[in-house]
């Protein structure tokens, strides 16, 4: 899949909902992005320490430590602070968004997920990511 020896982009999707994880896989994989998953905050932090990710999609409501704390920790560590974090949550109040920004999120998206918002988030966070030209969206 990767063009001329360029490794594919890697995303970590952190959500305790199997449905959302599946939806994100179906959305990101056709865009040439390798997707890995975590369903708990602690697991996400361990994976971010262990592996290289180009972007993290993070739910706020997680078992164990919540998405705000996961984001804060990712942004606090020298080796992970530059990974863009996209909050992906059903919490859509102004207060929630401010909390997300204070935690260090790069983009705050609310569910239900809109594919065009997701693509905008990818374009904003990943300068090296080019949307495949062959992808046509009819909505």
C-alpha atoms as a PDB file:
ATOM      1  CA  UNK A   1       0.000   0.000   0.000  1.00  0.00           C
ATOM      2  CA  UNK A   2       2.728   2.478   0.930  1.00  0.00           C
ATOM      3  CA  UNK A   3       4.214   4.522  -1.876  1.00  0.00           C
ATOM      4  CA  UNK A   4       7.906   3.910  -2.649  1.00  0.00           C
ATOM      5  CA  UNK A   5       9.126   2.788   0.752  1.00  0.00           C
ATOM      6  CA  UNK A   6       7.194   5.399   2.726  1.00  0.00           C
ATOM      7  CA  UNK A   7       5.707   3.643   5.762  1.00  0.00           C
ATOM      8  CA  UNK A   8       1.932   3.996   6.036  1.00  0.00           C
ATOM      9  CA  UNK A   9       0.615   6.408   8.625  1.00  0.00           C
ATOM     10  CA  UNK A  10      -0.319   4.776  11.929  1.00  0.00           C
ATOM     11  CA  UNK A  11      -3.328   5.756  14.009  1.00  0.00           C
ATOM     12  CA  UNK A  12      -4.307   4.663  17.496  1.00  0.00           C
ATOM     13  CA  UNK A  13      -8.065   4.656  18.128  1.00  0.00           C
ATOM     14  CA  UNK A  14      -8.948   4.674  21.823  1.00  0.00           C
ATOM     15  CA  UNK A  15     -12.622   3.909  22.456  1.00  0.00           C
ATOM     16  CA  UNK A  16     -14.418   1.375  24.635  1.00  0.00           C
ATOM     17  CA  UNK A  17     -17.152   0.970  21.983  1.00  0.00           C
ATOM     18  CA  UNK A  18     -16.571  -1.921  19.574  1.00  0.00           C
ATOM     19  CA  UNK A  19     -18.906  -0.189  17.103  1.00  0.00           C
ATOM     20  CA  UNK A  20     -16.848   3.026  17.078  1.00  0.00           C
ATOM     21  CA  UNK A  21     -13.568   1.090  16.765  1.00  0.00           C
ATOM     22  CA  UNK A  22     -15.005  -0.826  13.799  1.00  0.00           C
ATOM     23  CA  UNK A  23     -16.353   2.365  12.202  1.00  0.00           C
ATOM     24  CA  UNK A  24     -12.962   4.087  12.565  1.00  0.00           C
ATOM     25  CA  UNK A  25     -11.224   1.063  11.028  1.00  0.00           C
ATOM     26  CA  UNK A  26     -13.641   1.104   8.077  1.00  0.00           C
ATOM     27  CA  UNK A  27     -13.082   4.851   7.650  1.00  0.00           C
ATOM     28  CA  UNK A  28      -9.304   5.065   8.098  1.00  0.00           C
ATOM     29  CA  UNK A  29      -8.047   1.834   6.485  1.00  0.00           C
ATOM     30  CA  UNK A  30      -9.260   2.719   2.951  1.00  0.00           C
ATOM     31  CA  UNK A  31      -7.353   6.011   3.336  1.00  0.00           C
ATOM     32  CA  UNK A  32      -4.126   4.029   3.640  1.00  0.00           C
ATOM     33  CA  UNK A  33      -3.786   4.411   7.407  1.00  0.00           C
ATOM     34  CA  UNK A  34      -2.776   1.484   9.628  1.00  0.00           C
ATOM     35  CA  UNK A  35      -5.165   1.417  12.583  1.00  0.00           C
ATOM     36  CA  UNK A  36      -4.533  -0.024  16.048  1.00  0.00           C
ATOM     37  CA  UNK A  37      -6.915   0.010  18.981  1.00  0.00           C
ATOM     38  CA  UNK A  38      -7.116   0.393  22.734  1.00  0.00           C
ATOM     39  CA  UNK A  39     -10.312   0.282  24.803  1.00  0.00           C
ATOM     40  CA  UNK A  40      -8.926   1.708  28.080  1.00  0.00           C
ATOM     41  CA  UNK A  41      -6.902   4.803  28.920  1.00  0.00           C
ATOM     42  CA  UNK A  42      -4.115   2.849  30.620  1.00  0.00           C
ATOM     43  CA  UNK A  43      -3.777   0.563  27.585  1.00  0.00           C
ATOM     44  CA  UNK A  44      -3.613   3.607  25.270  1.00  0.00           C
ATOM     45  CA  UNK A  45      -0.774   5.159  27.285  1.00  0.00           C
ATOM     46  CA  UNK A  46       1.169   1.884  27.253  1.00  0.00           C
ATOM     47  CA  UNK A  47       0.748   1.566  23.464  1.00  0.00           C
ATOM     48  CA  UNK A  48       1.797   5.178  22.845  1.00  0.00           C
ATOM     49  CA  UNK A  49       4.990   4.535  24.858  1.00  0.00           C
ATOM     50  CA  UNK A  50       5.688   1.267  23.004  1.00  0.00           C
ATOM     51  CA  UNK A  51       4.798   2.157  19.400  1.00  0.00           C
ATOM     52  CA  UNK A  52       5.118   5.075  17.000  1.00  0.00           C
ATOM     53  CA  UNK A  53       1.796   6.679  16.015  1.00  0.00           C
ATOM     54  CA  UNK A  54       1.183   9.576  13.673  1.00  0.00           C
ATOM     55  CA  UNK A  55      -2.178  10.426  15.243  1.00  0.00           C
ATOM     56  CA  UNK A  56      -4.345   9.355  18.189  1.00  0.00           C
ATOM     57  CA  UNK A  57      -8.165   9.386  18.174  1.00  0.00           C
ATOM     58  CA  UNK A  58      -9.331   9.492  21.767  1.00  0.00           C
ATOM     59  CA  UNK A  59     -12.734   9.072  23.407  1.00  0.00           C
ATOM     60  CA  UNK A  60     -13.262  10.936  26.692  1.00  0.00           C
ATOM     61  CA  UNK A  61     -15.502   8.436  28.496  1.00  0.00           C
ATOM     62  CA  UNK A  62     -13.239   5.430  29.055  1.00  0.00           C
ATOM     63  CA  UNK A  63     -13.011   2.789  31.769  1.00  0.00           C
ATOM     64  CA  UNK A  64     -10.138   3.630  34.118  1.00  0.00           C
ATOM     65  CA  UNK A  65      -8.465   6.931  33.355  1.00  0.00           C
ATOM     66  CA  UNK A  66     -10.490   9.225  31.090  1.00  0.00           C
ATOM     67  CA  UNK A  67      -9.523  10.724  27.752  1.00  0.00           C
ATOM     68  CA  UNK A  68      -8.680  14.117  29.236  1.00  0.00           C
ATOM     69  CA  UNK A  69      -6.016  12.544  31.472  1.00  0.00           C
ATOM     70  CA  UNK A  70      -4.724  10.326  28.637  1.00  0.00           C
ATOM     71  CA  UNK A  71      -4.338  13.399  26.413  1.00  0.00           C
ATOM     72  CA  UNK A  72      -2.603  15.380  29.164  1.00  0.00           C
ATOM     73  CA  UNK A  73      -0.126  12.538  29.712  1.00  0.00           C
ATOM     74  CA  UNK A  74       0.594  12.118  25.986  1.00  0.00           C
ATOM     75  CA  UNK A  75       1.238  15.876  25.718  1.00  0.00           C
ATOM     76  CA  UNK A  76       3.368  15.924  28.893  1.00  0.00           C
ATOM     77  CA  UNK A  77       5.891  13.311  27.712  1.00  0.00           C
ATOM     78  CA  UNK A  78       8.823  14.559  25.643  1.00  0.00           C
ATOM     79  CA  UNK A  79       8.763  11.580  23.253  1.00  0.00           C
ATOM     80  CA  UNK A  80       4.973  11.714  22.616  1.00  0.00           C
ATOM     81  CA  UNK A  81       4.033  15.401  22.955  1.00  0.00           C
ATOM     82  CA  UNK A  82       4.102  16.022  19.197  1.00  0.00           C
ATOM     83  CA  UNK A  83       1.589  13.289  18.369  1.00  0.00           C
ATOM     84  CA  UNK A  84      -1.653  14.998  17.301  1.00  0.00           C
ATOM     85  CA  UNK A  85      -4.584  13.983  19.498  1.00  0.00           C
ATOM     86  CA  UNK A  86      -8.124  14.132  18.125  1.00  0.00           C
ATOM     87  CA  UNK A  87     -10.822  13.912  20.806  1.00  0.00           C
ATOM     88  CA  UNK A  88     -13.733  11.897  19.490  1.00  0.00           C
ATOM     89  CA  UNK A  89     -16.604  12.061  21.929  1.00  0.00           C
ATOM     90  CA  UNK A  90     -20.320  12.418  22.483  1.00  0.00           C
ATOM     91  CA  UNK A  91     -19.571  15.198  24.998  1.00  0.00           C
ATOM     92  CA  UNK A  92     -20.273  18.287  22.930  1.00  0.00           C
ATOM     93  CA  UNK A  93     -20.838  21.160  25.377  1.00  0.00           C
ATOM     94  CA  UNK A  94     -18.641  24.262  25.348  1.00  0.00           C
ATOM     95  CA  UNK A  95     -17.325  23.212  28.777  1.00  0.00           C
ATOM     96  CA  UNK A  96     -16.257  19.797  27.420  1.00  0.00           C
ATOM     97  CA  UNK A  97     -14.508  21.405  24.449  1.00  0.00           C
ATOM     98  CA  UNK A  98     -12.625  23.834  26.702  1.00  0.00           C
ATOM     99  CA  UNK A  99     -11.586  20.926  28.928  1.00  0.00           C
ATOM    100  CA  UNK A 100     -10.380  19.089  25.815  1.00  0.00           C
ATOM    101  CA  UNK A 101      -8.345  22.098  24.683  1.00  0.00           C
ATOM    102  CA  UNK A 102      -6.898  22.506  28.181  1.00  0.00           C
ATOM    103  CA  UNK A 103      -5.862  18.830  28.097  1.00  0.00           C
ATOM    104  CA  UNK A 104      -3.967  19.569  24.880  1.00  0.00           C
ATOM    105  CA  UNK A 105      -6.198  18.088  22.180  1.00  0.00           C
ATOM    106  CA  UNK A 106      -5.413  19.229  18.632  1.00  0.00           C
ATOM    107  CA  UNK A 107      -8.934  18.697  17.238  1.00  0.00           C
ATOM    108  CA  UNK A 108     -12.219  18.126  19.092  1.00  0.00           C
ATOM    109  CA  UNK A 109     -14.841  16.122  17.174  1.00  0.00           C
ATOM    110  CA  UNK A 110     -18.243  15.033  18.442  1.00  0.00           C
ATOM    111  CA  UNK A 111     -20.106  11.812  17.668  1.00  0.00           C
ATOM    112  CA  UNK A 112     -21.904  10.775  15.583  1.00  0.00           C
ATOM    113  CA  UNK A 113     -18.801  10.980  13.465  1.00  0.00           C
ATOM    114  CA  UNK A 114     -18.990  12.814  10.182  1.00  0.00           C
ATOM    115  CA  UNK A 115     -16.526  11.436   7.605  1.00  0.00           C
ATOM    116  CA  UNK A 116     -15.726  14.883   6.160  1.00  0.00           C
ATOM    117  CA  UNK A 117     -14.897  16.223   9.662  1.00  0.00           C
ATOM    118  CA  UNK A 118     -12.591  13.251  10.148  1.00  0.00           C
ATOM    119  CA  UNK A 119     -10.823  13.938   6.839  1.00  0.00           C
ATOM    120  CA  UNK A 120     -10.481  17.631   7.771  1.00  0.00           C
ATOM    121  CA  UNK A 121      -8.929  16.583  11.098  1.00  0.00           C
ATOM    122  CA  UNK A 122      -6.449  14.308   9.293  1.00  0.00           C
ATOM    123  CA  UNK A 123      -5.511  17.098   6.877  1.00  0.00           C
ATOM    124  CA  UNK A 124      -5.059  19.572   9.731  1.00  0.00           C
ATOM    125  CA  UNK A 125      -2.974  17.248  11.926  1.00  0.00           C
ATOM    126  CA  UNK A 126      -0.938  15.347   9.360  1.00  0.00           C
ATOM    127  CA  UNK A 127       0.900  17.588   6.927  1.00  0.00           C
ATOM    128  CA  UNK A 128       2.372  14.537   5.187  1.00  0.00           C
ATOM    129  CA  UNK A 129      -1.040  12.916   4.708  1.00  0.00           C
ATOM    130  CA  UNK A 130      -2.554  13.286   1.276  1.00  0.00           C
ATOM    131  CA  UNK A 131      -6.151  12.283   0.769  1.00  0.00           C
ATOM    132  CA  UNK A 132      -6.263   9.586  -1.920  1.00  0.00           C
ATOM    133  CA  UNK A 133      -7.563  11.246  -5.091  1.00  0.00           C
ATOM    134  CA  UNK A 134      -9.582   8.185  -6.113  1.00  0.00           C
ATOM    135  CA  UNK A 135     -11.852   8.421  -3.069  1.00  0.00           C
ATOM    136  CA  UNK A 136     -15.249   9.823  -4.055  1.00  0.00           C
ATOM    137  CA  UNK A 137     -17.778  10.480  -1.353  1.00  0.00           C
ATOM    138  CA  UNK A 138     -21.464  10.686  -2.161  1.00  0.00           C
ATOM    139  CA  UNK A 139     -23.496  12.114   0.656  1.00  0.00           C
END
